[in-house]
Amino acid sequence: MRTLATQMRLRRLLRTQADYQQRLSREGQLELAATASARLLHLLGEVRTTWEREADGQDLAGLRHHVSRALAAMQAAAAGLGRPGADAARLGAELREVGVPLVFFLRGLDDSEAPVLAELAGRELPRTA
């Protein structure tokens, strides 16, 4: 399986989040937080669309669900950033706590052979002995 485009978009999102996090800690403006939230939500939409395109036709069962839950958790953190009084540091940390491991998960999918993917997806493997 190839998820390189999804990984690239996800890494762009994480770089953008880190940039906004630094700016918010320096400037702390409500308007900037709303802008950051909107931009991160847009980038998350791109990540989701790319993932769906790359995963299309793959029998991934629970693996697909894992990515969807991770993206939903990141979306909730990004959306929360735009609310008045939001704790930008906490929400940024929540987004990264899900996003960074997701990058490595996707890299692992790319590096896995078909039998490993079948096993992880919960499909029964044919016996060889």
N, C-alpha and C. Protein backbone atom coordinates (compact mmCIF):
# COMPACT_ATOMS: atom_id res chain seq x y z
N MET A 1 0.84 -1.18 0.00
CA MET A 1 0.00 0.00 0.00
C MET A 1 0.88 1.23 0.00
N ARG A 2 0.45 2.24 -0.70
CA ARG A 2 1.19 3.51 -0.76
C ARG A 2 0.35 4.64 -0.17
N THR A 3 0.93 5.34 0.80
CA THR A 3 0.24 6.44 1.46
C THR A 3 1.11 7.70 1.46
N LEU A 4 2.02 7.79 0.52
CA LEU A 4 2.97 8.89 0.52
C LEU A 4 2.29 10.26 0.44
N ALA A 5 1.29 10.40 -0.41
CA ALA A 5 0.61 11.70 -0.53
C ALA A 5 -0.10 12.06 0.78
N THR A 6 -0.71 11.08 1.43
CA THR A 6 -1.37 11.34 2.71
C THR A 6 -0.34 11.76 3.75
N GLN A 7 0.79 11.07 3.78
CA GLN A 7 1.84 11.43 4.73
C GLN A 7 2.34 12.85 4.49
N MET A 8 2.54 13.21 3.24
CA MET A 8 3.04 14.55 2.92
C MET A 8 2.05 15.62 3.37
N ARG A 9 0.76 15.40 3.12
CA ARG A 9 -0.26 16.38 3.54
C ARG A 9 -0.35 16.45 5.07
N LEU A 10 -0.23 15.31 5.71
CA LEU A 10 -0.29 15.27 7.17
C LEU A 10 0.93 16.00 7.77
N ARG A 11 2.09 15.79 7.19
CA ARG A 11 3.28 16.49 7.67
C ARG A 11 3.17 17.99 7.44
N ARG A 12 2.58 18.40 6.32
CA ARG A 12 2.35 19.83 6.08
C ARG A 12 1.43 20.40 7.15
N LEU A 13 0.38 19.65 7.48
CA LEU A 13 -0.55 20.10 8.52
C LEU A 13 0.18 20.27 9.85
N LEU A 14 1.04 19.33 10.20
CA LEU A 14 1.76 19.40 11.47
C LEU A 14 2.74 20.58 11.49
N ARG A 15 3.39 20.86 10.36
CA ARG A 15 4.27 22.03 10.29
C ARG A 15 3.47 23.32 10.44
N THR A 16 2.32 23.37 9.79
CA THR A 16 1.46 24.55 9.88
C THR A 16 0.97 24.75 11.31
N GLN A 17 0.59 23.66 11.95
CA GLN A 17 0.14 23.75 13.35
C GLN A 17 1.26 24.26 14.23
N ALA A 18 2.47 23.78 14.05
CA ALA A 18 3.60 24.23 14.87
C ALA A 18 3.87 25.72 14.65
N ASP A 19 3.75 26.17 13.40
CA ASP A 19 3.95 27.58 13.10
C ASP A 19 2.89 28.44 13.80
N TYR A 20 1.63 28.04 13.67
CA TYR A 20 0.56 28.78 14.35
C TYR A 20 0.74 28.74 15.87
N GLN A 21 1.18 27.61 16.40
CA GLN A 21 1.38 27.49 17.84
C GLN A 21 2.39 28.50 18.33
N GLN A 22 3.48 28.65 17.60
CA GLN A 22 4.50 29.64 17.97
C GLN A 22 3.94 31.06 17.89
N ARG A 23 3.22 31.34 16.82
CA ARG A 23 2.65 32.68 16.66
C ARG A 23 1.62 32.97 17.75
N LEU A 24 0.80 31.99 18.07
CA LEU A 24 -0.22 32.19 19.11
C LEU A 24 0.43 32.43 20.48
N SER A 25 1.52 31.75 20.75
CA SER A 25 2.18 31.95 22.05
C SER A 25 2.81 33.34 22.14
N ARG A 26 3.23 33.88 21.00
CA ARG A 26 3.80 35.24 20.98
C ARG A 26 2.72 36.31 20.93
N GLU A 27 1.73 36.11 20.04
CA GLU A 27 0.75 37.15 19.78
C GLU A 27 -0.55 36.96 20.56
N GLY A 28 -1.01 35.71 20.65
CA GLY A 28 -2.19 35.39 21.43
C GLY A 28 -3.48 36.08 21.01
N GLN A 29 -3.68 36.30 19.75
CA GLN A 29 -4.86 37.01 19.28
C GLN A 29 -5.99 36.03 18.97
N LEU A 30 -7.21 36.44 19.34
CA LEU A 30 -8.38 35.62 19.06
C LEU A 30 -8.56 35.45 17.55
N GLU A 31 -8.34 36.51 16.80
CA GLU A 31 -8.49 36.45 15.34
C GLU A 31 -7.50 35.45 14.74
N LEU A 32 -6.27 35.44 15.25
CA LEU A 32 -5.27 34.50 14.76
C LEU A 32 -5.69 33.06 15.08
N ALA A 33 -6.26 32.83 16.25
CA ALA A 33 -6.71 31.48 16.61
C ALA A 33 -7.81 31.01 15.67
N ALA A 34 -8.73 31.91 15.31
CA ALA A 34 -9.80 31.54 14.38
C ALA A 34 -9.23 31.24 13.00
N THR A 35 -8.24 32.02 12.58
CA THR A 35 -7.59 31.79 11.29
C THR A 35 -6.85 30.45 11.31
N ALA A 36 -6.14 30.20 12.40
CA ALA A 36 -5.41 28.93 12.53
C ALA A 36 -6.38 27.75 12.48
N SER A 37 -7.49 27.86 13.18
CA SER A 37 -8.48 26.80 13.20
C SER A 37 -9.00 26.52 11.79
N ALA A 38 -9.37 27.57 11.09
CA ALA A 38 -9.90 27.40 9.72
C ALA A 38 -8.87 26.77 8.80
N ARG A 39 -7.61 27.22 8.90
CA ARG A 39 -6.56 26.67 8.03
C ARG A 39 -6.30 25.21 8.35
N LEU A 40 -6.22 24.88 9.62
CA LEU A 40 -5.97 23.48 10.01
C LEU A 40 -7.12 22.58 9.58
N LEU A 41 -8.34 23.06 9.72
CA LEU A 41 -9.50 22.26 9.28
C LEU A 41 -9.46 22.05 7.77
N HIS A 42 -9.05 23.06 7.02
CA HIS A 42 -8.92 22.92 5.58
C HIS A 42 -7.86 21.86 5.24
N LEU A 43 -6.71 21.94 5.90
CA LEU A 43 -5.64 20.97 5.64
C LEU A 43 -6.06 19.56 6.05
N LEU A 44 -6.82 19.44 7.14
CA LEU A 44 -7.32 18.13 7.54
C LEU A 44 -8.27 17.56 6.49
N GLY A 45 -9.07 18.41 5.88
CA GLY A 45 -9.94 17.96 4.79
C GLY A 45 -9.12 17.41 3.64
N GLU A 46 -8.01 18.05 3.33
CA GLU A 46 -7.13 17.56 2.27
C GLU A 46 -6.50 16.22 2.65
N VAL A 47 -6.09 16.08 3.91
CA VAL A 47 -5.52 14.82 4.38
C VAL A 47 -6.56 13.70 4.23
N ARG A 48 -7.78 13.97 4.68
CA ARG A 48 -8.85 12.97 4.62
C ARG A 48 -9.15 12.56 3.17
N THR A 49 -9.25 13.54 2.28
CA THR A 49 -9.54 13.26 0.88
C THR A 49 -8.42 12.43 0.25
N THR A 50 -7.20 12.79 0.54
CA THR A 50 -6.06 12.05 -0.01
C THR A 50 -6.02 10.63 0.53
N TRP A 51 -6.26 10.47 1.82
CA TRP A 51 -6.30 9.14 2.43
C TRP A 51 -7.37 8.28 1.76
N GLU A 52 -8.56 8.84 1.59
CA GLU A 52 -9.64 8.08 0.98
C GLU A 52 -9.28 7.65 -0.45
N ARG A 53 -8.61 8.53 -1.18
CA ARG A 53 -8.19 8.19 -2.54
C ARG A 53 -7.13 7.08 -2.52
N GLU A 54 -6.15 7.20 -1.62
CA GLU A 54 -5.09 6.19 -1.57
C GLU A 54 -5.57 4.86 -1.02
N ALA A 55 -6.55 4.89 -0.12
CA ALA A 55 -7.05 3.65 0.48
C ALA A 55 -8.16 3.01 -0.35
N ASP A 56 -8.65 3.71 -1.37
CA ASP A 56 -9.74 3.20 -2.20
C ASP A 56 -9.35 1.86 -2.82
N GLY A 57 -10.21 0.90 -2.68
CA GLY A 57 -9.97 -0.42 -3.25
C GLY A 57 -9.13 -1.33 -2.38
N GLN A 58 -8.60 -0.82 -1.29
CA GLN A 58 -7.81 -1.63 -0.38
C GLN A 58 -8.73 -2.26 0.66
N ASP A 59 -8.50 -3.49 1.00
CA ASP A 59 -9.28 -4.17 2.04
C ASP A 59 -8.56 -3.95 3.37
N LEU A 60 -8.90 -2.84 4.03
CA LEU A 60 -8.16 -2.45 5.23
C LEU A 60 -8.94 -2.59 6.52
N ALA A 61 -10.22 -2.86 6.44
CA ALA A 61 -11.08 -3.09 7.61
C ALA A 61 -10.77 -2.14 8.76
N GLY A 62 -10.28 -2.66 9.88
CA GLY A 62 -10.03 -1.87 11.08
C GLY A 62 -8.97 -0.80 10.91
N LEU A 63 -8.09 -0.97 9.95
CA LEU A 63 -7.06 0.04 9.73
C LEU A 63 -7.67 1.34 9.23
N ARG A 64 -8.65 1.22 8.36
CA ARG A 64 -9.34 2.40 7.84
C ARG A 64 -10.05 3.13 8.98
N HIS A 65 -10.65 2.37 9.88
CA HIS A 65 -11.35 2.95 11.04
C HIS A 65 -10.36 3.69 11.94
N HIS A 66 -9.18 3.12 12.13
CA HIS A 66 -8.17 3.75 12.97
C HIS A 66 -7.79 5.13 12.41
N VAL A 67 -7.56 5.22 11.12
CA VAL A 67 -7.20 6.50 10.51
C VAL A 67 -8.35 7.49 10.63
N SER A 68 -9.57 7.04 10.41
CA SER A 68 -10.74 7.92 10.51
C SER A 68 -10.89 8.49 11.92
N ARG A 69 -10.70 7.65 12.93
CA ARG A 69 -10.78 8.13 14.32
C ARG A 69 -9.68 9.12 14.63
N ALA A 70 -8.48 8.86 14.14
CA ALA A 70 -7.37 9.78 14.38
C ALA A 70 -7.66 11.13 13.73
N LEU A 71 -8.14 11.12 12.51
CA LEU A 71 -8.45 12.37 11.82
C LEU A 71 -9.59 13.11 12.51
N ALA A 72 -10.57 12.38 13.03
CA ALA A 72 -11.68 13.01 13.75
C ALA A 72 -11.18 13.68 15.03
N ALA A 73 -10.26 13.04 15.74
CA ALA A 73 -9.70 13.62 16.96
C ALA A 73 -8.90 14.88 16.63
N MET A 74 -8.16 14.85 15.54
CA MET A 74 -7.40 16.03 15.12
C MET A 74 -8.35 17.15 14.71
N GLN A 75 -9.43 16.78 14.06
CA GLN A 75 -10.42 17.77 13.62
C GLN A 75 -11.06 18.45 14.84
N ALA A 76 -11.37 17.68 15.86
CA ALA A 76 -11.96 18.25 17.07
C ALA A 76 -11.01 19.24 17.74
N ALA A 77 -9.73 18.90 17.79
CA ALA A 77 -8.75 19.81 18.39
C ALA A 77 -8.61 21.08 17.56
N ALA A 78 -8.56 20.93 16.24
CA ALA A 78 -8.43 22.10 15.36
C ALA A 78 -9.66 23.00 15.45
N ALA A 79 -10.83 22.41 15.51
CA ALA A 79 -12.07 23.19 15.62
C ALA A 79 -12.13 23.93 16.95
N GLY A 80 -11.68 23.28 18.01
CA GLY A 80 -11.69 23.89 19.34
C GLY A 80 -10.78 25.11 19.43
N LEU A 81 -9.76 25.13 18.62
CA LEU A 81 -8.82 26.25 18.64
C LEU A 81 -9.50 27.58 18.30
N GLY A 82 -10.54 27.54 17.49
CA GLY A 82 -11.22 28.76 17.08
C GLY A 82 -12.23 29.29 18.07
N ARG A 83 -12.45 28.57 19.17
CA ARG A 83 -13.43 29.02 20.17
C ARG A 83 -12.81 30.06 21.10
N PRO A 84 -13.59 31.05 21.50
CA PRO A 84 -13.08 32.06 22.45
C PRO A 84 -12.63 31.40 23.75
N GLY A 85 -11.48 31.80 24.24
CA GLY A 85 -10.96 31.26 25.50
C GLY A 85 -10.33 29.89 25.39
N ALA A 86 -10.16 29.40 24.17
CA ALA A 86 -9.59 28.07 23.98
C ALA A 86 -8.14 28.03 24.47
N ASP A 87 -7.75 26.90 25.01
CA ASP A 87 -6.38 26.68 25.45
C ASP A 87 -5.58 26.19 24.24
N ALA A 88 -4.95 27.12 23.54
CA ALA A 88 -4.25 26.80 22.29
C ALA A 88 -3.13 25.79 22.52
N ALA A 89 -2.41 25.90 23.63
CA ALA A 89 -1.32 24.97 23.90
C ALA A 89 -1.83 23.54 24.08
N ARG A 90 -2.91 23.39 24.84
CA ARG A 90 -3.47 22.05 25.08
C ARG A 90 -4.01 21.46 23.78
N LEU A 91 -4.77 22.26 23.04
CA LEU A 91 -5.36 21.76 21.79
C LEU A 91 -4.29 21.43 20.76
N GLY A 92 -3.24 22.24 20.70
CA GLY A 92 -2.13 21.93 19.80
C GLY A 92 -1.45 20.63 20.18
N ALA A 93 -1.27 20.42 21.49
CA ALA A 93 -0.66 19.18 21.96
C ALA A 93 -1.55 17.98 21.64
N GLU A 94 -2.86 18.13 21.80
CA GLU A 94 -3.78 17.04 21.48
C GLU A 94 -3.71 16.69 19.99
N LEU A 95 -3.67 17.70 19.15
CA LEU A 95 -3.59 17.47 17.72
C LEU A 95 -2.30 16.72 17.37
N ARG A 96 -1.19 17.15 17.94
CA ARG A 96 0.11 16.52 17.64
C ARG A 96 0.20 15.12 18.24
N GLU A 97 -0.42 14.89 19.41
CA GLU A 97 -0.38 13.56 20.04
C GLU A 97 -1.05 12.50 19.17
N VAL A 98 -1.95 12.92 18.31
CA VAL A 98 -2.60 12.00 17.39
C VAL A 98 -1.91 12.03 16.03
N GLY A 99 -1.53 13.22 15.57
CA GLY A 99 -0.98 13.38 14.23
C GLY A 99 0.39 12.76 14.02
N VAL A 100 1.28 12.93 14.98
CA VAL A 100 2.64 12.40 14.82
C VAL A 100 2.63 10.87 14.74
N PRO A 101 1.97 10.16 15.67
CA PRO A 101 1.92 8.71 15.54
C PRO A 101 1.23 8.25 14.25
N LEU A 102 0.27 9.04 13.77
CA LEU A 102 -0.41 8.68 12.53
C LEU A 102 0.55 8.70 11.35
N VAL A 103 1.48 9.64 11.33
CA VAL A 103 2.50 9.66 10.28
C VAL A 103 3.28 8.35 10.29
N PHE A 104 3.71 7.92 11.47
CA PHE A 104 4.48 6.69 11.57
C PHE A 104 3.64 5.46 11.25
N PHE A 105 2.38 5.49 11.61
CA PHE A 105 1.46 4.40 11.25
C PHE A 105 1.38 4.26 9.74
N LEU A 106 1.20 5.39 9.06
CA LEU A 106 1.09 5.37 7.60
C LEU A 106 2.40 4.90 6.97
N ARG A 107 3.52 5.33 7.53
CA ARG A 107 4.81 4.86 7.01
C ARG A 107 4.92 3.35 7.18
N GLY A 108 4.42 2.85 8.31
CA GLY A 108 4.44 1.41 8.54
C GLY A 108 3.58 0.65 7.54
N LEU A 109 2.44 1.23 7.16
CA LEU A 109 1.61 0.60 6.14
C LEU A 109 2.37 0.49 4.82
N ASP A 110 3.09 1.56 4.49
CA ASP A 110 3.87 1.54 3.25
C ASP A 110 4.96 0.48 3.27
N ASP A 111 5.55 0.27 4.43
CA ASP A 111 6.66 -0.67 4.54
C ASP A 111 6.21 -2.12 4.74
N SER A 112 4.92 -2.35 4.94
CA SER A 112 4.43 -3.69 5.25
C SER A 112 4.12 -4.48 3.99
N GLU A 113 4.43 -5.74 4.06
CA GLU A 113 4.12 -6.67 2.98
C GLU A 113 2.63 -7.05 3.04
N ALA A 114 2.11 -7.56 1.95
CA ALA A 114 0.69 -7.91 1.85
C ALA A 114 0.23 -8.84 2.98
N PRO A 115 0.99 -9.90 3.34
CA PRO A 115 0.52 -10.77 4.43
C PRO A 115 0.39 -10.04 5.77
N VAL A 116 1.27 -9.08 6.03
CA VAL A 116 1.20 -8.32 7.28
C VAL A 116 -0.04 -7.43 7.26
N LEU A 117 -0.29 -6.77 6.13
CA LEU A 117 -1.48 -5.94 6.01
C LEU A 117 -2.74 -6.77 6.18
N ALA A 118 -2.75 -7.97 5.61
CA ALA A 118 -3.91 -8.85 5.74
C ALA A 118 -4.13 -9.22 7.20
N GLU A 119 -3.06 -9.53 7.89
CA GLU A 119 -3.16 -9.88 9.31
C GLU A 119 -3.67 -8.69 10.13
N LEU A 120 -3.12 -7.51 9.88
CA LEU A 120 -3.54 -6.32 10.63
C LEU A 120 -4.98 -5.95 10.34
N ALA A 121 -5.43 -6.21 9.12
CA ALA A 121 -6.80 -5.90 8.75
C ALA A 121 -7.78 -6.95 9.26
N GLY A 122 -7.26 -8.04 9.86
CA GLY A 122 -8.13 -9.05 10.45
C GLY A 122 -8.59 -10.13 9.49
N ARG A 123 -7.95 -10.20 8.33
CA ARG A 123 -8.34 -11.26 7.38
C ARG A 123 -7.61 -12.55 7.75
N GLU A 124 -8.26 -13.64 7.50
CA GLU A 124 -7.68 -14.93 7.78
C GLU A 124 -6.63 -15.24 6.72
N LEU A 125 -5.47 -15.67 7.18
CA LEU A 125 -4.39 -15.99 6.27
C LEU A 125 -4.40 -17.46 5.94
N PRO A 126 -4.07 -17.83 4.71
CA PRO A 126 -4.01 -19.26 4.37
C PRO A 126 -2.85 -19.92 5.09
N ARG A 127 -3.09 -21.15 5.50
CA ARG A 127 -2.05 -21.93 6.19
C ARG A 127 -1.04 -22.46 5.17
N THR A 128 0.24 -22.40 5.51
CA THR A 128 1.26 -22.85 4.57
C THR A 128 1.91 -24.16 4.99
N ALA A 129 1.66 -24.61 6.20
CA ALA A 129 2.32 -25.84 6.64
C ALA A 129 1.33 -26.93 6.92
